[in-house]
Every structure is written in structure tokens, then in C-alpha cells.
């Protein structure tokens, strides 16, 4: 693999670090998903500790990060550990040319609750408009799909 997304085959890039426990825990599942979809989806691993410039170029700030490309365009990004079914769903969607799943329901609900809690605390304690604004941003992060933002 040459490190650049193929115009004909989808590419999944996993960015990891050797010290990342979630990366190590997810490694067998993502390897199995990559093998299961190897005929239709390319896969590569970027070690952010040794390929710092490449990780920065991909806009990665935390590991593990999973990025899916179709025709050189990023179509999905997940930060944090994913289960085998979630990984299979991403690979399968890329292979079929459909929209990969973006954010799981549990994550979306957690972000929504965290944002509402921050805004609520901001209103009760003063009001502290900075907390209200940050809470609103977190709620927006939960509600607005990344594909609406050009991702």
C-alpha cells in the first residue's frame, strides 16, 4: 500500500500508538474485519509515534482513529475503540459504496446528555455563559452528523 487513498478501492486507515491500550485491544477485531473485506477494501495502519507527520496530515489528535476514504475523500472517521460488528459495518459500507455508520446511538446520547448537563450547570451557577456555550457546542456535536459539515 502506497499510503494514499486509491481512486478505485476504498481505504481504511487506522492510526494507532504502541502505548494505546484501546489500540491493542481493538487490533484483533480490526485485523479480522480487514481480512474479511480484503477483496474490496484496502487497509493500512499508521503508527502515530513513528509517522508523526502523516498522523498530523490526517488530522489525528487521539488514538485509535479509524478513517475511511472513498475516491480519495474522507467519508467516515471514528475516534476510540470500536467493536467487531461496528468495524465490519464500516468495512462493508465502504465496500458497497454506501454511507458508513457515523456515530453510534449510545455515543450520541452520551454527548447529548453531557452537553445538556454542562448547559444546565452553566445556567444554575450564575449563569456562566461559557459553560452554557460549551454545552450547546457539545449538544450540536451530538446532533449534527459530520457529513453535513463536509466530512
N, C-alpha and C. Protein backbone atom coordinates (compact mmCIF):
# COMPACT_ATOMS: atom_id res chain seq x y z
N UNK A 1 0.83 -1.17 0.00
CA UNK A 1 0.00 0.00 0.00
C UNK A 1 0.88 1.23 0.00
N UNK A 2 0.54 2.17 -0.83
CA UNK A 2 1.41 3.31 -1.02
C UNK A 2 1.13 4.48 -0.10
N UNK A 3 0.11 4.39 0.75
CA UNK A 3 -0.14 5.44 1.71
C UNK A 3 -1.12 6.49 1.25
N UNK A 4 -1.56 6.41 -0.02
CA UNK A 4 -2.56 7.37 -0.48
C UNK A 4 -3.81 6.61 -0.87
N UNK A 5 -4.97 7.22 -0.61
CA UNK A 5 -6.22 6.52 -0.92
C UNK A 5 -6.32 6.21 -2.41
N UNK A 6 -6.75 5.02 -2.73
CA UNK A 6 -6.90 4.58 -4.11
C UNK A 6 -8.17 5.16 -4.71
N UNK A 7 -8.13 5.61 -5.97
CA UNK A 7 -9.33 6.14 -6.58
C UNK A 7 -10.34 5.05 -6.92
N UNK A 8 -9.93 3.80 -6.93
CA UNK A 8 -10.84 2.74 -7.32
C UNK A 8 -11.28 1.85 -6.16
N UNK A 9 -10.47 1.74 -5.14
CA UNK A 9 -10.83 0.90 -3.99
C UNK A 9 -10.89 1.76 -2.74
N UNK A 10 -11.90 1.52 -1.92
CA UNK A 10 -11.95 2.24 -0.64
C UNK A 10 -10.75 1.87 0.22
N UNK A 11 -10.40 2.76 1.12
CA UNK A 11 -9.26 2.56 2.01
C UNK A 11 -9.68 2.87 3.44
N UNK A 12 -9.31 1.99 4.36
CA UNK A 12 -9.48 2.24 5.78
C UNK A 12 -8.09 2.40 6.38
N UNK A 13 -7.89 3.53 7.06
CA UNK A 13 -6.62 3.80 7.73
C UNK A 13 -6.88 3.81 9.23
N UNK A 14 -6.12 3.01 9.95
CA UNK A 14 -6.21 3.01 11.41
C UNK A 14 -4.94 3.67 11.93
N UNK A 15 -5.11 4.70 12.74
CA UNK A 15 -3.96 5.39 13.34
C UNK A 15 -3.88 4.96 14.79
N UNK A 16 -2.71 4.44 15.17
CA UNK A 16 -2.50 3.87 16.50
C UNK A 16 -1.19 4.37 17.08
N UNK A 17 -1.00 4.09 18.36
CA UNK A 17 0.30 4.28 19.01
C UNK A 17 0.60 3.01 19.82
N UNK A 18 1.86 2.69 20.00
CA UNK A 18 2.21 1.46 20.72
C UNK A 18 1.76 1.46 22.17
N UNK A 19 1.61 2.63 22.78
CA UNK A 19 1.24 2.70 24.19
C UNK A 19 -0.28 2.76 24.41
N UNK A 20 -1.04 2.73 23.34
CA UNK A 20 -2.50 2.87 23.42
C UNK A 20 -3.16 1.53 23.74
N UNK A 21 -3.74 1.42 24.93
CA UNK A 21 -4.39 0.16 25.34
C UNK A 21 -5.60 -0.14 24.47
N UNK A 22 -6.37 0.88 24.11
CA UNK A 22 -7.54 0.65 23.26
C UNK A 22 -7.11 0.17 21.87
N UNK A 23 -6.00 0.69 21.37
CA UNK A 23 -5.49 0.25 20.07
C UNK A 23 -5.14 -1.24 20.11
N UNK A 24 -4.43 -1.65 21.15
CA UNK A 24 -4.05 -3.05 21.28
C UNK A 24 -5.27 -3.95 21.45
N UNK A 25 -6.26 -3.47 22.21
CA UNK A 25 -7.46 -4.27 22.43
C UNK A 25 -8.27 -4.42 21.15
N UNK A 26 -8.26 -3.40 20.30
CA UNK A 26 -9.05 -3.44 19.07
C UNK A 26 -8.32 -4.15 17.93
N UNK A 27 -7.01 -4.34 18.06
CA UNK A 27 -6.19 -4.89 16.98
C UNK A 27 -6.70 -6.21 16.40
N UNK A 28 -7.07 -7.21 17.21
CA UNK A 28 -7.54 -8.46 16.62
C UNK A 28 -8.85 -8.28 15.84
N UNK A 29 -9.73 -7.44 16.35
CA UNK A 29 -11.02 -7.23 15.67
C UNK A 29 -10.85 -6.50 14.35
N UNK A 30 -10.02 -5.47 14.33
CA UNK A 30 -9.86 -4.73 13.07
C UNK A 30 -9.07 -5.56 12.06
N UNK A 31 -8.13 -6.36 12.54
CA UNK A 31 -7.40 -7.25 11.63
C UNK A 31 -8.35 -8.26 10.99
N UNK A 32 -9.25 -8.81 11.79
CA UNK A 32 -10.22 -9.78 11.27
C UNK A 32 -11.17 -9.11 10.28
N UNK A 33 -11.63 -7.90 10.59
CA UNK A 33 -12.52 -7.17 9.67
C UNK A 33 -11.80 -6.85 8.37
N UNK A 34 -10.54 -6.44 8.47
CA UNK A 34 -9.76 -6.11 7.27
C UNK A 34 -9.57 -7.35 6.39
N UNK A 35 -9.28 -8.49 7.00
CA UNK A 35 -9.11 -9.73 6.24
C UNK A 35 -10.43 -10.14 5.60
N UNK A 36 -11.52 -10.00 6.34
CA UNK A 36 -12.83 -10.40 5.82
C UNK A 36 -13.25 -9.56 4.61
N UNK A 37 -12.76 -8.34 4.52
CA UNK A 37 -13.15 -7.43 3.43
C UNK A 37 -11.98 -7.09 2.51
N UNK A 38 -10.91 -7.87 2.57
CA UNK A 38 -9.69 -7.57 1.83
C UNK A 38 -9.87 -7.55 0.32
N UNK A 39 -10.86 -8.26 -0.19
CA UNK A 39 -11.06 -8.29 -1.65
C UNK A 39 -11.61 -6.98 -2.18
N UNK A 40 -12.24 -6.17 -1.31
CA UNK A 40 -12.90 -4.96 -1.80
C UNK A 40 -12.45 -3.68 -1.11
N UNK A 41 -11.74 -3.79 0.01
CA UNK A 41 -11.32 -2.61 0.77
C UNK A 41 -9.86 -2.76 1.16
N UNK A 42 -9.06 -1.72 0.88
CA UNK A 42 -7.67 -1.71 1.33
C UNK A 42 -7.62 -1.26 2.79
N UNK A 43 -6.58 -1.71 3.50
CA UNK A 43 -6.44 -1.38 4.91
C UNK A 43 -4.98 -1.13 5.21
N UNK A 44 -4.72 -0.11 6.01
CA UNK A 44 -3.36 0.11 6.48
C UNK A 44 -3.37 0.73 7.86
N UNK A 45 -2.27 0.52 8.55
CA UNK A 45 -2.10 1.01 9.90
C UNK A 45 -1.01 2.07 9.88
N UNK A 46 -1.27 3.19 10.53
CA UNK A 46 -0.29 4.26 10.67
C UNK A 46 0.07 4.35 12.15
N UNK A 47 1.35 4.22 12.45
CA UNK A 47 1.84 4.35 13.82
C UNK A 47 2.14 5.83 14.06
N UNK A 48 1.30 6.49 14.84
CA UNK A 48 1.43 7.93 15.07
C UNK A 48 2.71 8.29 15.81
N UNK A 49 3.30 7.32 16.50
CA UNK A 49 4.54 7.59 17.22
C UNK A 49 5.74 7.68 16.28
N UNK A 50 5.72 6.92 15.19
CA UNK A 50 6.84 6.93 14.26
C UNK A 50 6.52 7.69 12.97
N UNK A 51 5.24 7.83 12.65
CA UNK A 51 4.82 8.56 11.45
C UNK A 51 4.05 9.82 11.87
N UNK A 52 4.73 10.66 12.63
CA UNK A 52 4.11 11.83 13.23
C UNK A 52 3.52 12.76 12.17
N UNK A 53 4.30 13.06 11.13
CA UNK A 53 3.82 13.98 10.09
C UNK A 53 2.60 13.42 9.37
N UNK A 54 2.61 12.14 9.13
CA UNK A 54 1.46 11.52 8.44
C UNK A 54 0.22 11.59 9.32
N UNK A 55 0.36 11.30 10.61
CA UNK A 55 -0.78 11.38 11.52
C UNK A 55 -1.31 12.81 11.59
N UNK A 56 -0.41 13.78 11.65
CA UNK A 56 -0.83 15.19 11.66
C UNK A 56 -1.53 15.54 10.36
N UNK A 57 -1.00 15.06 9.25
CA UNK A 57 -1.61 15.32 7.95
C UNK A 57 -3.02 14.75 7.83
N UNK A 58 -3.27 13.69 8.57
CA UNK A 58 -4.60 13.09 8.59
C UNK A 58 -5.51 13.77 9.62
N UNK A 59 -4.96 14.72 10.37
CA UNK A 59 -5.76 15.43 11.36
C UNK A 59 -6.08 14.60 12.58
N UNK A 60 -5.19 13.68 12.94
CA UNK A 60 -5.43 12.78 14.07
C UNK A 60 -4.86 13.41 15.34
N UNK A 61 -5.71 13.46 16.38
CA UNK A 61 -5.31 14.01 17.66
C UNK A 61 -5.41 13.01 18.79
N UNK A 62 -6.00 11.84 18.51
CA UNK A 62 -6.15 10.80 19.53
C UNK A 62 -6.16 9.45 18.85
N UNK A 63 -5.77 8.42 19.60
CA UNK A 63 -5.77 7.07 19.05
C UNK A 63 -6.62 6.17 19.92
N UNK A 64 -7.19 5.15 19.34
CA UNK A 64 -7.17 4.82 17.92
C UNK A 64 -8.13 5.71 17.13
N UNK A 65 -7.73 6.03 15.92
CA UNK A 65 -8.59 6.75 14.98
C UNK A 65 -8.71 5.91 13.73
N UNK A 66 -9.92 5.75 13.28
CA UNK A 66 -10.23 4.96 12.08
C UNK A 66 -10.80 5.92 11.04
N UNK A 67 -10.18 5.97 9.86
CA UNK A 67 -10.62 6.89 8.81
C UNK A 67 -10.90 6.08 7.55
N UNK A 68 -12.07 6.30 6.96
CA UNK A 68 -12.44 5.63 5.72
C UNK A 68 -12.42 6.61 4.57
N UNK A 69 -11.79 6.20 3.46
CA UNK A 69 -11.69 7.03 2.26
C UNK A 69 -12.36 6.32 1.09
N UNK A 70 -13.08 7.10 0.29
CA UNK A 70 -13.63 6.61 -0.97
C UNK A 70 -13.23 7.62 -2.04
N UNK A 71 -12.60 7.15 -3.09
CA UNK A 71 -12.11 8.03 -4.16
C UNK A 71 -11.26 9.18 -3.61
N UNK A 72 -10.45 8.88 -2.59
CA UNK A 72 -9.56 9.88 -2.01
C UNK A 72 -10.22 10.86 -1.07
N UNK A 73 -11.50 10.72 -0.84
CA UNK A 73 -12.27 11.63 0.01
C UNK A 73 -12.62 10.93 1.31
N UNK A 74 -12.40 11.62 2.44
CA UNK A 74 -12.76 11.04 3.73
C UNK A 74 -14.28 10.99 3.86
N UNK A 75 -14.79 9.80 4.19
CA UNK A 75 -16.24 9.64 4.32
C UNK A 75 -16.66 9.22 5.73
N UNK A 76 -15.72 8.76 6.52
CA UNK A 76 -16.04 8.36 7.89
C UNK A 76 -14.79 8.49 8.75
N UNK A 77 -15.02 8.87 10.02
CA UNK A 77 -13.94 8.96 10.99
C UNK A 77 -14.50 8.55 12.34
N UNK A 78 -13.82 7.62 12.98
CA UNK A 78 -14.19 7.18 14.33
C UNK A 78 -12.97 7.33 15.21
N UNK A 79 -13.15 7.91 16.37
CA UNK A 79 -12.08 8.01 17.35
C UNK A 79 -12.48 7.17 18.55
N UNK A 80 -11.57 6.32 18.98
CA UNK A 80 -11.86 5.44 20.11
C UNK A 80 -12.10 4.01 19.63
N UNK A 81 -12.16 3.13 20.59
CA UNK A 81 -12.31 1.71 20.30
C UNK A 81 -13.67 1.40 19.71
N UNK A 82 -13.70 0.49 18.76
CA UNK A 82 -14.94 0.04 18.12
C UNK A 82 -15.03 -1.47 18.28
N UNK A 83 -16.25 -1.98 18.29
CA UNK A 83 -16.47 -3.41 18.39
C UNK A 83 -16.32 -4.05 17.02
N UNK A 84 -16.20 -5.36 17.00
CA UNK A 84 -16.09 -6.07 15.72
C UNK A 84 -17.29 -5.81 14.81
N UNK A 85 -18.54 -5.85 15.32
CA UNK A 85 -19.68 -5.54 14.44
C UNK A 85 -19.62 -4.12 13.88
N UNK A 86 -19.18 -3.16 14.68
CA UNK A 86 -19.05 -1.79 14.19
C UNK A 86 -17.98 -1.70 13.10
N UNK A 87 -16.86 -2.38 13.30
CA UNK A 87 -15.80 -2.38 12.30
C UNK A 87 -16.26 -3.05 11.01
N UNK A 88 -16.94 -4.20 11.14
CA UNK A 88 -17.47 -4.88 9.97
C UNK A 88 -18.44 -3.98 9.21
N UNK A 89 -19.27 -3.23 9.94
CA UNK A 89 -20.24 -2.33 9.30
C UNK A 89 -19.53 -1.24 8.50
N UNK A 90 -18.44 -0.70 9.03
CA UNK A 90 -17.69 0.33 8.31
C UNK A 90 -17.08 -0.26 7.04
N UNK A 91 -16.39 -1.39 7.17
CA UNK A 91 -15.76 -2.02 6.01
C UNK A 91 -16.81 -2.40 4.96
N UNK A 92 -17.92 -2.99 5.40
CA UNK A 92 -18.96 -3.42 4.47
C UNK A 92 -19.57 -2.24 3.74
N UNK A 93 -19.85 -1.16 4.45
CA UNK A 93 -20.44 0.02 3.81
C UNK A 93 -19.48 0.61 2.78
N UNK A 94 -18.21 0.69 3.11
CA UNK A 94 -17.22 1.20 2.15
C UNK A 94 -17.14 0.29 0.93
N UNK A 95 -17.16 -1.02 1.16
CA UNK A 95 -17.08 -1.97 0.05
C UNK A 95 -18.30 -1.85 -0.87
N UNK A 96 -19.47 -1.57 -0.30
CA UNK A 96 -20.69 -1.47 -1.07
C UNK A 96 -20.93 -0.08 -1.64
N UNK A 97 -20.11 0.89 -1.23
CA UNK A 97 -20.28 2.25 -1.71
C UNK A 97 -21.41 3.01 -1.04
N UNK A 98 -21.88 2.52 0.12
CA UNK A 98 -22.93 3.22 0.85
C UNK A 98 -22.31 4.04 1.98
N UNK A 99 -23.12 4.87 2.61
CA UNK A 99 -22.63 5.71 3.70
C UNK A 99 -22.30 4.85 4.91
N UNK A 100 -21.06 4.91 5.40
CA UNK A 100 -20.70 4.16 6.60
C UNK A 100 -21.41 4.74 7.82
N UNK A 101 -21.64 3.93 8.83
CA UNK A 101 -22.24 4.45 10.06
C UNK A 101 -21.31 5.46 10.70
N UNK A 102 -21.87 6.57 11.16
CA UNK A 102 -21.05 7.64 11.71
C UNK A 102 -20.88 7.53 13.23
N UNK A 103 -21.95 7.72 13.95
CA UNK A 103 -21.85 7.78 15.40
C UNK A 103 -22.91 6.87 15.99
N UNK A 104 -22.50 5.99 16.86
CA UNK A 104 -23.44 5.06 17.47
C UNK A 104 -24.45 5.76 18.36
N UNK A 105 -25.59 5.14 18.55
CA UNK A 105 -26.65 5.73 19.35
C UNK A 105 -26.23 6.02 20.78
N UNK A 106 -25.47 5.10 21.38
CA UNK A 106 -25.04 5.31 22.76
C UNK A 106 -24.10 6.51 22.86
N UNK A 107 -23.19 6.65 21.91
CA UNK A 107 -22.28 7.80 21.92
C UNK A 107 -23.05 9.10 21.72
N UNK A 108 -23.99 9.07 20.80
CA UNK A 108 -24.79 10.27 20.52
C UNK A 108 -25.57 10.69 21.78
N UNK A 109 -26.18 9.73 22.46
CA UNK A 109 -26.93 10.03 23.69
C UNK A 109 -26.01 10.56 24.78
N UNK A 110 -24.83 9.96 24.91
CA UNK A 110 -23.88 10.41 25.93
C UNK A 110 -23.46 11.85 25.67
N UNK A 111 -23.15 12.18 24.43
CA UNK A 111 -22.77 13.56 24.10
C UNK A 111 -23.93 14.51 24.35
N UNK A 112 -25.13 14.09 23.98
CA UNK A 112 -26.31 14.93 24.20
C UNK A 112 -26.52 15.20 25.69
N UNK A 113 -26.44 14.15 26.50
CA UNK A 113 -26.62 14.32 27.95
C UNK A 113 -25.51 15.17 28.55
N UNK A 114 -24.28 14.97 28.12
CA UNK A 114 -23.16 15.76 28.64
C UNK A 114 -23.33 17.23 28.29
N UNK A 115 -23.74 17.50 27.06
CA UNK A 115 -23.96 18.88 26.64
C UNK A 115 -25.08 19.54 27.42
N UNK A 116 -26.17 18.82 27.61
CA UNK A 116 -27.29 19.37 28.38
C UNK A 116 -26.88 19.60 29.83
N UNK A 117 -26.09 18.68 30.39
CA UNK A 117 -25.63 18.85 31.78
C UNK A 117 -24.73 20.08 31.90
N UNK A 118 -23.81 20.26 30.96
CA UNK A 118 -22.95 21.45 31.00
C UNK A 118 -23.76 22.73 30.91
N UNK A 119 -24.69 22.77 29.98
CA UNK A 119 -25.53 23.95 29.82
C UNK A 119 -26.36 24.19 31.08
N UNK A 120 -26.90 23.11 31.65
CA UNK A 120 -27.69 23.25 32.87
C UNK A 120 -26.88 23.78 34.03
N UNK A 121 -25.68 23.26 34.21
CA UNK A 121 -24.81 23.74 35.28
C UNK A 121 -24.46 25.21 35.02
N UNK A 122 -24.22 25.55 33.78
CA UNK A 122 -23.92 26.94 33.44
C UNK A 122 -25.06 27.88 33.77
N UNK A 123 -26.29 27.45 33.55
CA UNK A 123 -27.44 28.28 33.85
C UNK A 123 -27.67 28.42 35.36
N UNK A 124 -27.44 27.33 36.09
CA UNK A 124 -27.69 27.33 37.52
C UNK A 124 -26.63 28.10 38.29
N UNK A 125 -25.40 28.09 37.82
CA UNK A 125 -24.28 28.71 38.55
C UNK A 125 -23.99 30.12 38.08
N UNK A 126 -24.96 30.92 38.04
CA UNK A 126 -24.62 32.31 37.76
C UNK A 126 -25.60 33.14 36.99
N UNK A 127 -25.84 32.99 35.81
CA UNK A 127 -25.42 31.99 34.84
C UNK A 127 -23.97 32.21 34.36
N UNK A 128 -23.34 31.09 34.04
CA UNK A 128 -22.00 31.11 33.48
C UNK A 128 -22.14 30.82 31.99
N UNK A 129 -22.10 31.87 31.21
CA UNK A 129 -22.41 31.74 29.78
C UNK A 129 -21.39 30.90 29.02
N UNK A 130 -20.17 30.85 29.50
CA UNK A 130 -19.17 30.00 28.84
C UNK A 130 -19.58 28.53 28.92
N UNK A 131 -20.02 28.09 30.10
CA UNK A 131 -20.48 26.70 30.25
C UNK A 131 -21.72 26.44 29.40
N UNK A 132 -22.62 27.41 29.33
CA UNK A 132 -23.81 27.26 28.51
C UNK A 132 -23.40 27.11 27.04
N UNK A 133 -22.45 27.93 26.60
CA UNK A 133 -21.99 27.87 25.21
C UNK A 133 -21.30 26.55 24.91
N UNK A 134 -20.43 26.09 25.81
CA UNK A 134 -19.74 24.81 25.60
C UNK A 134 -20.76 23.68 25.59
N UNK A 135 -21.73 23.73 26.49
CA UNK A 135 -22.79 22.73 26.49
C UNK A 135 -23.54 22.71 25.18
N UNK A 136 -23.84 23.88 24.65
CA UNK A 136 -24.51 23.98 23.35
C UNK A 136 -23.68 23.38 22.23
N UNK A 137 -22.37 23.61 22.26
CA UNK A 137 -21.49 23.03 21.25
C UNK A 137 -21.47 21.51 21.33
N UNK A 138 -21.45 20.99 22.55
CA UNK A 138 -21.44 19.53 22.73
C UNK A 138 -22.77 18.94 22.25
N UNK A 139 -23.87 19.60 22.54
CA UNK A 139 -25.17 19.14 22.04
C UNK A 139 -25.16 19.15 20.51
N UNK A 140 -24.64 20.23 19.93
CA UNK A 140 -24.54 20.30 18.47
C UNK A 140 -23.68 19.19 17.90
N UNK A 141 -22.59 18.86 18.60
CA UNK A 141 -21.69 17.79 18.18
C UNK A 141 -22.42 16.45 18.17
N UNK A 142 -23.39 16.31 19.07
CA UNK A 142 -24.17 15.06 19.13
C UNK A 142 -25.25 15.01 18.07
N UNK A 143 -25.79 16.16 17.72
CA UNK A 143 -26.96 16.21 16.86
C UNK A 143 -26.62 16.29 15.38
N UNK A 144 -25.62 17.08 15.02
CA UNK A 144 -25.30 17.32 13.62
C UNK A 144 -24.37 16.23 13.10
N UNK A 145 -24.80 15.45 12.11
CA UNK A 145 -23.91 14.44 11.54
C UNK A 145 -22.70 15.09 10.87
N UNK A 146 -21.54 14.46 10.99
CA UNK A 146 -20.32 15.02 10.41
C UNK A 146 -20.43 15.19 8.91
N UNK A 147 -21.21 14.38 8.22
CA UNK A 147 -21.31 14.51 6.77
C UNK A 147 -21.94 15.83 6.37
N UNK A 148 -22.74 16.46 7.28
CA UNK A 148 -23.30 17.78 7.00
C UNK A 148 -22.23 18.85 7.05
N UNK A 149 -21.14 18.56 7.75
CA UNK A 149 -20.06 19.52 7.89
C UNK A 149 -18.97 19.31 6.85
N UNK A 150 -19.25 18.49 5.84
CA UNK A 150 -18.27 18.26 4.78
C UNK A 150 -17.30 17.17 5.06
N UNK A 151 -17.56 16.34 6.08
CA UNK A 151 -16.66 15.23 6.39
C UNK A 151 -17.06 14.01 5.63
